[in-house]
Protein backbone atom coordinates (compact mmCIF):
# COMPACT_ATOMS: atom_id res chain seq x y z
CA MET A 1 -11.53 -7.78 -34.18
CA ASN A 2 -12.69 -11.11 -32.76
CA GLU A 3 -9.64 -13.14 -33.80
CA ILE A 4 -8.46 -15.43 -31.00
CA ILE A 5 -4.80 -14.53 -30.48
CA VAL A 6 -4.13 -16.64 -27.36
CA SER A 7 -5.61 -20.05 -26.66
CA MET A 8 -4.59 -22.03 -23.56
CA GLU A 9 -6.28 -25.35 -22.85
CA LYS A 10 -6.02 -27.66 -19.81
CA ILE A 11 -2.83 -25.99 -18.56
CA CYS A 12 -1.29 -27.71 -15.52
CA LYS A 13 1.65 -26.57 -13.41
CA THR A 14 2.85 -28.08 -10.13
CA PHE A 15 5.43 -26.76 -7.68
CA PRO A 16 6.70 -28.84 -4.73
CA GLY A 17 3.65 -29.41 -2.55
CA VAL A 18 1.40 -27.07 -4.55
CA LYS A 19 -0.72 -27.61 -7.67
CA ALA A 20 -0.67 -24.04 -8.96
CA LEU A 21 -2.65 -24.68 -12.17
CA ASP A 22 -5.16 -27.47 -12.57
CA HIS A 23 -6.45 -27.87 -16.18
CA VAL A 24 -6.92 -24.13 -16.76
CA ASN A 25 -8.47 -22.71 -19.96
CA PHE A 26 -7.89 -19.15 -21.17
CA GLU A 27 -8.60 -17.19 -24.35
CA LEU A 28 -7.68 -13.68 -25.46
CA ARG A 29 -8.99 -11.92 -28.58
CA ALA A 30 -7.52 -9.10 -30.63
CA GLY A 31 -8.73 -5.63 -29.63
CA GLU A 32 -10.08 -6.58 -26.22
CA VAL A 33 -9.21 -6.05 -22.57
CA MET A 34 -9.58 -9.30 -20.65
CA ALA A 35 -9.63 -9.01 -16.85
CA LEU A 36 -8.02 -12.05 -15.21
CA LEU A 37 -9.49 -12.19 -11.71
CA GLY A 38 -9.15 -14.34 -8.63
CA GLU A 39 -8.00 -14.30 -5.03
CA ASN A 40 -4.32 -14.27 -4.14
CA GLY A 41 -3.00 -17.75 -4.85
CA ALA A 42 -5.68 -18.43 -7.48
CA GLY A 43 -2.98 -18.98 -10.11
CA LYS A 44 -3.34 -15.81 -12.21
CA SER A 45 0.34 -14.81 -12.19
CA THR A 46 1.45 -18.42 -12.72
CA LEU A 47 -0.78 -18.73 -15.78
CA MET A 48 0.60 -15.49 -17.23
CA LYS A 49 4.17 -16.62 -16.55
CA VAL A 50 3.41 -19.74 -18.58
CA LEU A 51 2.14 -17.51 -21.40
CA SER A 52 5.23 -15.29 -21.23
CA GLY A 53 7.66 -18.24 -21.10
CA VAL A 54 8.86 -17.67 -17.53
CA TYR A 55 7.42 -21.04 -16.41
CA THR A 56 7.23 -24.24 -18.42
CA ARG A 57 3.83 -25.92 -18.17
CA ASP A 58 3.60 -29.59 -17.11
CA SER A 59 0.80 -30.32 -19.58
CA GLY A 60 -1.83 -28.65 -21.75
CA SER A 61 -1.74 -26.83 -25.08
CA LEU A 62 -0.75 -23.24 -25.88
CA LYS A 63 -1.36 -21.35 -29.12
CA ILE A 64 -0.35 -17.77 -29.93
CA PHE A 65 -1.73 -16.37 -33.19
CA ASP A 66 -2.83 -19.92 -34.03
CA LYS A 67 0.74 -21.26 -33.78
CA GLU A 68 1.20 -24.07 -31.26
CA TYR A 69 4.15 -23.81 -28.87
CA GLY A 70 5.83 -26.54 -26.86
CA ASP A 71 8.25 -25.45 -24.15
CA LEU A 72 7.90 -21.71 -24.67
CA THR A 73 10.93 -19.61 -23.65
CA PRO A 74 10.82 -15.90 -22.71
CA LYS A 75 12.63 -15.06 -25.96
CA GLN A 76 10.13 -17.05 -28.03
CA ALA A 77 7.24 -15.39 -26.20
CA GLN A 78 8.70 -11.96 -26.92
CA GLU A 79 9.21 -12.84 -30.58
CA ALA A 80 5.58 -14.01 -30.69
CA GLY A 81 4.51 -10.54 -29.47
CA VAL A 82 3.95 -11.22 -25.74
CA ALA A 83 5.08 -8.64 -23.15
CA ILE A 84 4.44 -8.73 -19.40
CA ILE A 85 4.53 -5.71 -17.10
CA HIS A 86 5.06 -7.03 -13.58
CA GLN A 87 3.64 -5.50 -10.40
CA GLU A 88 7.20 -5.18 -9.06
CA LEU A 89 8.77 -3.17 -11.87
CA ASN A 90 11.93 -4.69 -13.30
CA MET A 91 13.99 -1.65 -14.26
CA CYS A 92 17.70 -0.83 -14.24
CA ARG A 93 17.42 2.29 -12.12
CA HIS A 94 20.87 3.65 -12.99
CA LEU A 95 20.20 3.59 -16.75
CA SER A 96 18.28 6.12 -18.83
CA VAL A 97 14.73 5.65 -20.11
CA ALA A 98 16.00 4.91 -23.64
CA GLU A 99 18.64 2.46 -22.34
CA ASN A 100 15.99 0.58 -20.38
CA MET A 101 13.64 0.44 -23.36
CA PHE A 102 16.34 -1.10 -25.60
CA LEU A 103 18.10 -3.23 -22.97
CA GLY A 104 19.32 -6.47 -24.55
CA ARG A 105 18.58 -5.30 -28.11
CA GLU A 106 20.60 -2.11 -28.29
CA ILE A 107 20.90 -0.22 -31.58
CA LYS A 108 24.55 -0.02 -32.60
CA ARG A 109 26.69 2.02 -34.94
CA GLY A 110 29.55 -0.35 -35.71
CA ILE A 111 30.86 -1.52 -32.36
CA SER A 112 29.43 1.47 -30.47
CA LEU A 113 25.96 2.11 -29.11
CA ASN A 114 23.88 4.48 -31.22
CA ASN A 115 22.44 6.41 -28.28
CA ALA A 116 21.02 9.16 -30.48
CA LYS A 117 18.96 6.70 -32.52
CA MET A 118 17.72 4.84 -29.41
CA GLU A 119 16.71 8.14 -27.79
CA ALA A 120 14.94 9.29 -30.96
CA GLU A 121 13.03 6.00 -31.24
CA ALA A 122 12.16 6.07 -27.53
CA LYS A 123 10.88 9.64 -27.91
CA ARG A 124 8.76 8.64 -30.91
CA ILE A 125 7.07 5.86 -28.92
CA LEU A 126 6.59 8.03 -25.82
CA ASP A 127 5.17 10.88 -27.90
CA ASP A 128 2.80 8.48 -29.67
CA LEU A 129 1.46 7.48 -26.26
CA LYS A 130 1.36 11.15 -25.16
CA ILE A 131 3.73 10.36 -22.28
CA ASP A 132 5.81 13.37 -21.21
CA ILE A 133 9.12 11.75 -20.27
CA ASP A 134 12.62 12.68 -21.45
CA PRO A 135 14.32 9.55 -22.93
CA LYS A 136 17.64 10.76 -21.50
CA GLN A 137 16.32 10.88 -17.92
CA THR A 138 17.63 8.32 -15.42
CA VAL A 139 14.85 5.84 -14.57
CA GLY A 140 15.71 5.86 -10.86
CA ASP A 141 14.87 9.57 -10.72
CA LEU A 142 11.33 8.97 -12.03
CA PRO A 143 8.32 8.35 -9.76
CA VAL A 144 6.86 4.83 -9.83
CA SER A 145 3.96 6.01 -12.01
CA LYS A 146 6.34 7.23 -14.73
CA GLN A 147 8.40 4.02 -14.47
CA GLN A 148 5.15 2.13 -15.15
CA MET A 149 4.64 4.16 -18.34
CA VAL A 150 8.24 3.41 -19.41
CA GLU A 151 7.51 -0.32 -19.02
CA ILE A 152 4.49 0.03 -21.31
CA ALA A 153 6.55 1.99 -23.85
CA LYS A 154 9.26 -0.68 -23.64
CA ALA A 155 6.68 -3.36 -24.43
CA LEU A 156 5.49 -1.42 -27.46
CA SER A 157 9.07 -0.87 -28.65
CA ILE A 158 9.33 -4.64 -29.23
CA ASP A 159 6.06 -4.50 -31.18
CA ALA A 160 4.13 -6.41 -28.52
CA LYS A 161 0.63 -7.41 -29.63
CA ILE A 162 -0.28 -9.10 -26.33
CA LEU A 163 0.26 -7.05 -23.17
CA ILE A 164 -0.07 -8.53 -19.70
CA MET A 165 -0.53 -5.89 -16.99
CA ASP A 166 -0.20 -7.19 -13.42
CA GLU A 167 -1.67 -4.74 -10.87
CA PRO A 168 -0.68 -1.72 -13.00
CA THR A 169 -2.51 0.86 -10.86
CA SER A 170 -1.37 -0.21 -7.38
CA SER A 171 0.98 2.80 -7.03
CA LEU A 172 -0.85 5.36 -9.20
CA THR A 173 -3.01 8.35 -8.33
CA ALA A 174 -6.42 8.82 -9.95
CA ARG A 175 -5.02 11.21 -12.57
CA GLU A 176 -2.25 8.77 -13.47
CA ILE A 177 -4.78 5.93 -13.65
CA GLU A 178 -6.78 7.98 -16.18
CA ASP A 179 -3.61 8.37 -18.25
CA LEU A 180 -3.07 4.61 -18.11
CA PHE A 181 -6.68 3.93 -19.15
CA ARG A 182 -6.29 6.34 -22.07
CA ILE A 183 -3.24 4.39 -23.25
CA ILE A 184 -5.06 1.07 -22.82
CA ARG A 185 -7.98 2.31 -24.93
CA LYS A 186 -5.54 3.43 -27.63
CA LEU A 187 -3.78 0.05 -27.67
CA LYS A 188 -7.14 -1.72 -27.79
CA SER A 189 -8.22 0.39 -30.80
CA GLU A 190 -5.03 -0.74 -32.56
CA GLY A 191 -6.07 -4.38 -32.21
CA LYS A 192 -3.76 -5.32 -29.36
CA GLY A 193 -4.98 -7.83 -26.76
CA ILE A 194 -4.55 -6.83 -23.12
CA VAL A 195 -4.70 -9.09 -20.06
CA TYR A 196 -5.50 -6.92 -17.05
CA ILE A 197 -4.90 -8.31 -13.54
CA SER A 198 -6.20 -6.12 -10.72
CA HIS A 199 -7.73 -6.38 -7.28
CA ARG A 200 -9.29 -2.93 -7.68
CA LEU A 201 -12.57 -4.23 -9.03
CA GLU A 202 -14.08 -0.74 -9.30
CA GLU A 203 -11.65 -0.05 -12.17
CA LEU A 204 -13.02 -2.77 -14.43
CA GLN A 205 -16.06 -0.85 -15.63
CA HIS A 206 -13.85 1.75 -17.34
CA ILE A 207 -11.84 -0.51 -19.65
CA VAL A 208 -12.75 -4.22 -19.47
CA ASP A 209 -14.62 -6.17 -22.17
CA ARG A 210 -14.54 -9.69 -20.70
CA VAL A 211 -13.51 -11.39 -17.47
CA THR A 212 -11.91 -14.77 -16.77
CA ILE A 213 -12.16 -15.93 -13.17
CA MET A 214 -9.87 -18.42 -11.41
CA ARG A 215 -10.02 -19.98 -7.97
CA ASP A 216 -7.55 -22.31 -6.24
CA GLY A 217 -5.59 -22.91 -9.44
CA GLN A 218 -8.68 -23.78 -11.49
CA TYR A 219 -10.62 -22.06 -14.27
CA ILE A 220 -14.08 -21.11 -12.97
CA THR A 221 -15.75 -19.16 -15.78
CA ASP A 222 -15.39 -16.40 -18.38
CA MET A 223 -18.07 -13.96 -19.46
CA ASN A 224 -18.75 -10.55 -20.95
CA PHE A 225 -18.26 -7.88 -18.30
CA ALA A 226 -21.55 -6.22 -19.28
CA ASP A 227 -23.46 -9.41 -18.43
CA VAL A 228 -22.33 -9.80 -14.82
CA THR A 229 -22.68 -7.85 -11.57
CA MET A 230 -19.82 -7.03 -9.22
CA GLU A 231 -21.44 -9.19 -6.54
CA GLN A 232 -21.43 -12.17 -8.94
CA ILE A 233 -17.76 -11.59 -9.81
CA ILE A 234 -16.79 -11.55 -6.13
CA SER A 235 -18.86 -14.67 -5.47
CA TYR A 236 -17.13 -16.53 -8.32
CA MET A 237 -13.72 -15.37 -7.07
CA VAL A 238 -14.05 -16.39 -3.44
CA GLY A 239 -16.56 -19.24 -3.79
CA ARG A 240 -18.82 -17.60 -1.24
CA GLU A 241 -20.81 -14.45 -0.79
CA ILE A 242 -18.96 -11.50 0.76
CA LYS A 243 -21.77 -9.97 2.76
CA GLU A 244 -19.86 -6.96 4.04
CA LYS A 245 -17.00 -5.34 2.13
CA PHE A 246 -15.84 -3.31 5.14
CA PRO A 247 -16.78 -5.20 8.32
CA ARG A 248 -16.87 -2.88 11.30
CA VAL A 249 -17.15 -3.79 14.98
CA GLU A 250 -18.32 -1.40 17.67
CA CYS A 251 -16.18 -1.24 20.82
CA GLN A 252 -16.26 0.89 23.92
CA LYS A 253 -13.54 3.53 23.69
CA GLY A 254 -11.12 2.92 26.54
CA LYS A 255 -7.96 4.49 27.90
CA LYS A 256 -5.25 6.13 25.85
CA VAL A 257 -2.77 3.47 24.69
CA PHE A 258 -0.48 5.36 22.32
CA GLU A 259 0.51 8.99 22.05
CA VAL A 260 2.92 10.90 19.79
CA LYS A 261 3.92 14.48 20.68
CA HIS A 262 5.76 17.01 18.50
CA LEU A 263 7.40 14.38 16.29
CA ASN A 264 9.82 15.79 13.69
CA ALA A 265 11.86 13.78 11.19
CA GLY A 266 12.99 15.63 8.08
CA ARG A 267 10.76 17.65 5.76
CA MET A 268 7.95 15.09 5.58
CA VAL A 269 7.34 14.67 9.34
CA ARG A 270 6.70 18.05 10.94
CA ASP A 271 5.30 18.53 14.44
CA ILE A 272 3.09 15.41 14.41
CA ASN A 273 0.72 15.03 17.39
CA PHE A 274 -1.93 12.33 17.82
CA SER A 275 -3.26 9.66 20.17
CA VAL A 276 -4.82 6.20 19.76
CA TYR A 277 -7.21 4.73 22.34
CA GLU A 278 -8.38 1.25 23.25
CA GLY A 279 -11.34 0.12 21.15
CA GLU A 280 -10.63 2.23 18.07
CA ILE A 281 -8.84 2.06 14.72
CA VAL A 282 -7.21 5.28 13.52
CA GLY A 283 -6.71 5.70 9.78
CA PHE A 284 -4.21 8.07 8.14
CA ALA A 285 -5.27 9.70 4.85
CA GLY A 286 -3.52 12.12 2.50
CA LEU A 287 -2.27 12.66 -1.03
CA MET A 288 0.87 11.04 -2.38
CA GLY A 289 3.88 12.56 -0.60
CA ALA A 290 1.82 13.74 2.38
CA GLY A 291 4.29 12.12 4.80
CA ARG A 292 2.20 9.28 6.21
CA THR A 293 4.66 6.46 5.47
CA GLU A 294 7.53 8.66 6.69
CA THR A 295 5.63 9.16 9.96
CA THR A 296 5.27 5.40 10.52
CA ARG A 297 8.97 4.89 9.75
CA ALA A 298 10.01 7.61 12.21
CA ILE A 299 7.79 6.17 14.95
CA PHE A 300 9.18 2.65 14.41
CA GLY A 301 12.78 3.88 14.44
CA VAL A 302 13.60 3.10 10.81
CA ASP A 303 14.33 6.77 10.07
CA PRO A 304 16.06 9.06 12.59
CA LYS A 305 13.95 11.50 14.58
CA GLU A 306 14.98 15.10 15.15
CA SER A 307 12.68 15.55 18.14
CA GLY A 308 9.46 14.32 19.71
CA GLU A 309 8.05 12.13 22.46
CA ILE A 310 6.31 8.74 22.20
CA TYR A 311 4.18 7.23 24.98
CA VAL A 312 2.74 3.72 25.41
CA ASP A 313 0.20 3.27 28.22
CA GLY A 314 1.23 6.62 29.68
CA ARG A 315 4.93 5.74 29.84
CA GLU A 316 7.43 7.61 27.68
CA ILE A 317 9.56 5.27 25.58
CA LYS A 318 12.75 5.97 23.66
CA ILE A 319 12.87 4.57 20.12
CA ASN A 320 16.18 4.93 18.29
CA CYS A 321 15.89 1.78 16.17
CA PRO A 322 13.22 -0.81 15.31
CA MET A 323 14.39 -3.15 18.09
CA ASP A 324 13.63 -0.41 20.66
CA ALA A 325 10.10 -0.16 19.23
CA ILE A 326 9.57 -3.94 19.25
CA ARG A 327 10.76 -4.27 22.85
CA ASN A 328 8.31 -1.55 23.88
CA GLY A 329 5.35 -3.19 22.12
CA VAL A 330 5.24 -0.97 18.98
CA VAL A 331 5.34 -2.93 15.70
CA LEU A 332 5.00 -2.07 12.01
CA ALA A 333 3.71 -3.96 8.97
CA PRO A 334 5.51 -1.85 6.32
CA GLU A 335 4.27 -0.60 2.96
CA ASP A 336 6.74 -2.65 0.89
CA ARG A 337 6.27 -6.08 2.44
CA LYS A 338 8.74 -7.83 0.13
CA LYS A 339 11.54 -5.31 0.65
CA ASP A 340 11.04 -4.34 4.29
CA GLY A 341 8.69 -6.88 5.87
CA LEU A 342 9.94 -10.31 4.78
CA CYS A 343 13.05 -12.32 4.08
CA THR A 344 11.56 -13.78 0.89
CA LYS A 345 14.25 -16.45 0.49
CA LEU A 346 13.56 -17.81 3.98
CA SER A 347 10.70 -20.09 4.99
CA ILE A 348 7.46 -18.98 6.62
CA LYS A 349 8.72 -20.60 9.82
CA HIS A 350 11.94 -18.61 9.86
CA ASN A 351 10.15 -15.35 9.04
CA LEU A 352 7.74 -15.89 11.94
CA THR A 353 10.51 -16.93 14.33
CA LEU A 354 13.29 -14.40 13.56
CA PRO A 355 11.86 -11.39 15.45
CA ASN A 356 10.71 -13.68 18.26
CA LEU A 357 13.93 -15.52 19.13
CA ASP A 358 13.75 -14.12 22.67
CA ILE A 359 10.42 -15.96 23.02
CA VAL A 360 11.28 -19.32 21.41
CA CYS A 361 14.87 -19.74 22.67
CA ASN A 362 15.74 -21.40 25.96
CA LYS A 363 18.19 -19.94 28.51
CA ALA A 364 21.12 -21.39 26.58
CA GLY A 365 20.06 -19.46 23.47
CA VAL A 366 18.95 -22.58 21.59
CA VAL A 367 15.64 -22.56 19.69
CA ASP A 368 13.01 -24.63 21.49
CA SER A 369 11.47 -26.48 18.51
CA LYS A 370 8.24 -27.13 20.43
CA LYS A 371 7.72 -23.42 21.19
CA GLU A 372 8.66 -22.55 17.61
CA LYS A 373 6.10 -25.01 16.23
CA GLU A 374 3.38 -23.69 18.53
CA LEU A 375 4.10 -20.10 17.49
CA CYS A 376 4.05 -20.94 13.77
CA ASP A 377 1.00 -23.20 13.92
CA LYS A 378 -0.95 -20.54 15.81
CA ALA A 379 -0.07 -17.84 13.26
CA VAL A 380 -1.04 -20.05 10.30
CA SER A 381 -4.30 -21.05 11.98
CA ASP A 382 -5.32 -17.63 13.32
CA LEU A 383 -4.53 -15.78 10.10
CA LYS A 384 -5.64 -18.54 7.71
CA ILE A 385 -2.30 -18.48 5.85
CA LYS A 386 -2.70 -20.69 2.76
CA THR A 387 0.35 -22.94 2.63
CA PRO A 388 1.02 -26.68 2.55
CA SER A 389 3.77 -26.23 5.14
CA VAL A 390 5.57 -23.57 7.17
CA GLU A 391 8.76 -24.76 5.44
CA VAL A 392 7.64 -23.09 2.16
CA ASP A 393 9.68 -20.00 1.20
CA SER A 394 7.67 -16.87 1.94
CA GLY A 395 8.64 -15.49 -1.47
CA ASN A 396 6.52 -18.21 -3.09
CA LEU A 397 3.34 -17.07 -1.31
CA SER A 398 0.69 -14.84 -2.83
CA GLY A 399 0.65 -11.18 -1.83
CA GLY A 400 -2.19 -11.62 0.65
CA ASN A 401 -0.50 -14.54 2.40
CA GLN A 402 2.80 -12.67 2.53
CA GLN A 403 0.98 -9.83 4.29
CA LYS A 404 -0.40 -12.31 6.81
CA VAL A 405 3.11 -13.59 7.57
CA VAL A 406 4.30 -10.01 8.13
CA VAL A 407 1.47 -9.46 10.62
CA GLY A 408 1.74 -12.94 12.14
CA LYS A 409 5.29 -12.48 13.37
CA TRP A 410 4.18 -9.58 15.58
CA LEU A 411 1.07 -11.15 17.10
CA ALA A 412 3.11 -13.57 19.23
CA ARG A 413 4.63 -10.64 21.13
CA ASP A 414 1.51 -9.26 22.82
CA SER A 415 2.24 -5.95 21.12
CA ARG A 416 0.38 -2.88 22.39
CA VAL A 417 0.54 -0.83 19.17
CA VAL A 418 0.21 -2.30 15.67
CA ILE A 419 0.85 0.03 12.71
CA PHE A 420 -0.27 -1.08 9.23
CA ASP A 421 1.11 0.79 6.20
CA GLU A 422 -0.96 -0.02 3.08
CA PRO A 423 -2.03 -3.40 4.53
CA THR A 424 -4.24 -4.39 1.58
CA ARG A 425 -2.21 -3.13 -1.39
CA GLY A 426 -2.18 -5.75 -4.15
CA ILE A 427 -4.32 -8.34 -2.36
CA ASP A 428 -7.72 -9.69 -3.32
CA VAL A 429 -11.14 -8.87 -1.94
CA GLY A 430 -11.39 -12.02 0.21
CA ALA A 431 -7.93 -11.52 1.76
CA LYS A 432 -8.76 -7.84 2.34
CA VAL A 433 -11.76 -8.79 4.46
CA GLU A 434 -9.55 -11.17 6.46
CA ILE A 435 -7.07 -8.33 7.12
CA TYR A 436 -9.96 -6.05 8.17
CA ASN A 437 -11.24 -8.77 10.52
CA LEU A 438 -7.75 -9.10 11.98
CA MET A 439 -7.61 -5.35 12.62
CA ASN A 440 -11.04 -5.53 14.25
CA GLU A 441 -9.88 -8.43 16.45
CA LEU A 442 -6.88 -6.38 17.63
CA LYS A 443 -9.25 -3.49 18.29
CA LYS A 444 -11.48 -5.72 20.46
CA GLN A 445 -8.40 -6.81 22.43
CA GLY A 446 -7.65 -3.20 23.36
CA ILE A 447 -4.59 -2.95 21.12
CA ALA A 448 -3.94 0.44 19.52
CA VAL A 449 -4.37 0.07 15.73
CA MET A 450 -3.32 2.72 13.24
CA PHE A 451 -3.16 2.27 9.49
CA VAL A 452 -2.22 4.14 6.33
CA SER A 453 -4.24 3.49 3.18
CA SER A 454 -4.39 4.83 -0.37
CA GLU A 455 -8.03 3.70 -0.65
CA MET A 456 -10.49 6.36 0.45
CA PRO A 457 -13.44 3.90 0.83
CA GLU A 458 -11.19 1.64 2.93
CA VAL A 459 -10.16 4.44 5.30
CA MET A 460 -13.77 5.56 5.71
CA GLY A 461 -15.06 1.98 5.98
CA ILE A 462 -12.65 0.56 8.56
CA ALA A 463 -11.30 3.47 10.62
CA ASP A 464 -13.22 4.96 13.55
CA ARG A 465 -11.22 8.16 13.40
CA ILE A 466 -9.30 9.60 10.42
CA ILE A 467 -6.21 11.79 10.68
CA VAL A 468 -5.45 13.69 7.47
CA MET A 469 -1.94 14.77 6.46
CA CYS A 470 -0.66 17.22 3.88
CA ASP A 471 2.90 18.25 3.11
CA GLY A 472 4.33 16.57 6.21
CA ARG A 473 1.78 17.98 8.68
CA ILE A 474 -1.52 16.90 10.19
CA THR A 475 -4.16 19.21 8.70
CA GLY A 476 -7.28 17.74 10.27
CA GLU A 477 -8.98 14.98 12.22
CA VAL A 478 -12.50 13.67 11.56
CA MET A 479 -14.77 10.87 12.72
CA ALA A 480 -15.25 8.37 9.89
CA ARG A 481 -19.03 8.14 10.31
CA ASP A 482 -19.49 11.91 10.21
CA THR A 483 -17.24 12.86 7.29
CA SER A 484 -17.28 12.79 3.50
CA GLN A 485 -14.72 12.27 0.76
CA ASN A 486 -14.87 15.96 -0.10
CA GLU A 487 -14.08 16.99 3.47
CA ILE A 488 -11.08 14.64 3.60
CA LEU A 489 -9.85 15.83 0.19
CA THR A 490 -10.14 19.46 1.33
CA LEU A 491 -8.02 18.71 4.39
CA ALA A 492 -5.61 16.69 2.26
CA THR A 493 -4.97 19.70 0.02
CA SER A 494 -4.66 22.30 2.80
CA PHE A 495 -1.06 23.31 2.19
CA GLU A 496 0.79 25.54 4.61
CA ASP A 497 0.89 28.62 2.41
CA LYS A 498 -2.13 28.08 0.19
CA LYS A 499 -5.34 26.16 -0.05
CA ILE A 500 -6.32 24.46 -3.30
CA ASN A 501 -9.83 25.48 -4.17
CA ASN A 502 -12.37 22.92 -5.29
CA PRO A 503 -10.10 19.86 -5.00
CA GLY A 504 -12.74 17.61 -6.55
CA SER A 505 -12.28 13.90 -7.06
CA LYS A 506 -9.64 13.88 -9.76
CA GLU A 507 -6.80 13.58 -7.28
CA GLU A 508 -6.92 10.31 -5.42
CA ILE A 509 -5.92 9.82 -1.84
CA ALA A 510 -2.69 7.93 -2.40
CA GLY A 511 0.80 7.00 -1.32
């Protein structure tokens, strides 16, 4: 199955102030998994949106199954067999699984919908993929992992022969990832071509045949995965050698900066007690649903607390809403940066300025443009935000640069406690290292840093101390240098009434 089913040559695409694609070449063959790799902002998603008809290219040629297309529309792309599964799932949450799968091409009986036939067809496709989901179930009631599977089933229901998967495992546990890989192997055996975009490079060895690498909107190279090392892939992606995947700095442990006592907030935050000191980074680990994100939200005042005390530099503070936290020097870079961390339709400048109006406004309440410019220029420079201008909408930035904007708005406030929830989810290896360096810089400045991560190697590589949660409670605390994955997994599965024996590595630290 070596037939070339997609051929893109010298593709160019320009947005105002940004050349997103600069003479890019790309090929996909039947029955292969092609990994499309590159840093955030490399142009991967833009190229795939050209292939799926979302964007119209400025120049270059595009062939699908040897048929040349001009201005390809999404409908034409779908009819040609192209389906794209976006990182941010595009589902109608109030509709059933079957209704989502047949949205826009409903099966009818006269003037009425033939729900029974749609449900039967949806069940046939789901059963073929060995996915245990009821077609009648409301999509909004499904976990993200199951919604991901519904998107794949939806793509197959339109007889897609070319599947584009953009960060498909970012919200999945290890067991769910194995299910996804099983489905990918099945689709590959049926001759379907799969474009796989992921920043989790360790996944590639399980499913990928070839890799295409992009950098700064340009095609760099493509090669067989078996013929290249991971170090070479990273070097091609970032244009330089990444000497240390998890850079760690040693600091003298100082005074206690942040303390939480007996925090309770619903079922997932139960009697939480911990401290963070100067000169250390504290990581939070646990299985999906352990309560880590809920803990950060309760601390920051997003969710109401039932009880508990919070101290900064030995002084008790009252946090009833996020503004109370911000005023007391406690800030949060949330898990869902697009939904909770940014106003994506506003510019970088406005996102950086909004929470800092008390700093950039004069006594009359008018924004001092000079102070605003200084604040924005410093954030862009310090965090290396890739943008032609601070006037660019933050929604047009890559995931890594969006994360930097979320963090940048807090750094102007001389915050004492910075909480990161999944700070590197969906961003590339180069941007990850920049985020780690930022956390280390805060650590050196004596700022209390705590972070939640789904990546076990990341928690062990960056944190000095690791707090493990399970079922809404803290079940253990270990020093990163002295622990192992097995020890953390054991603590992460130490439920209140029972202890799971031999947790093994099948269940990933996640969510």
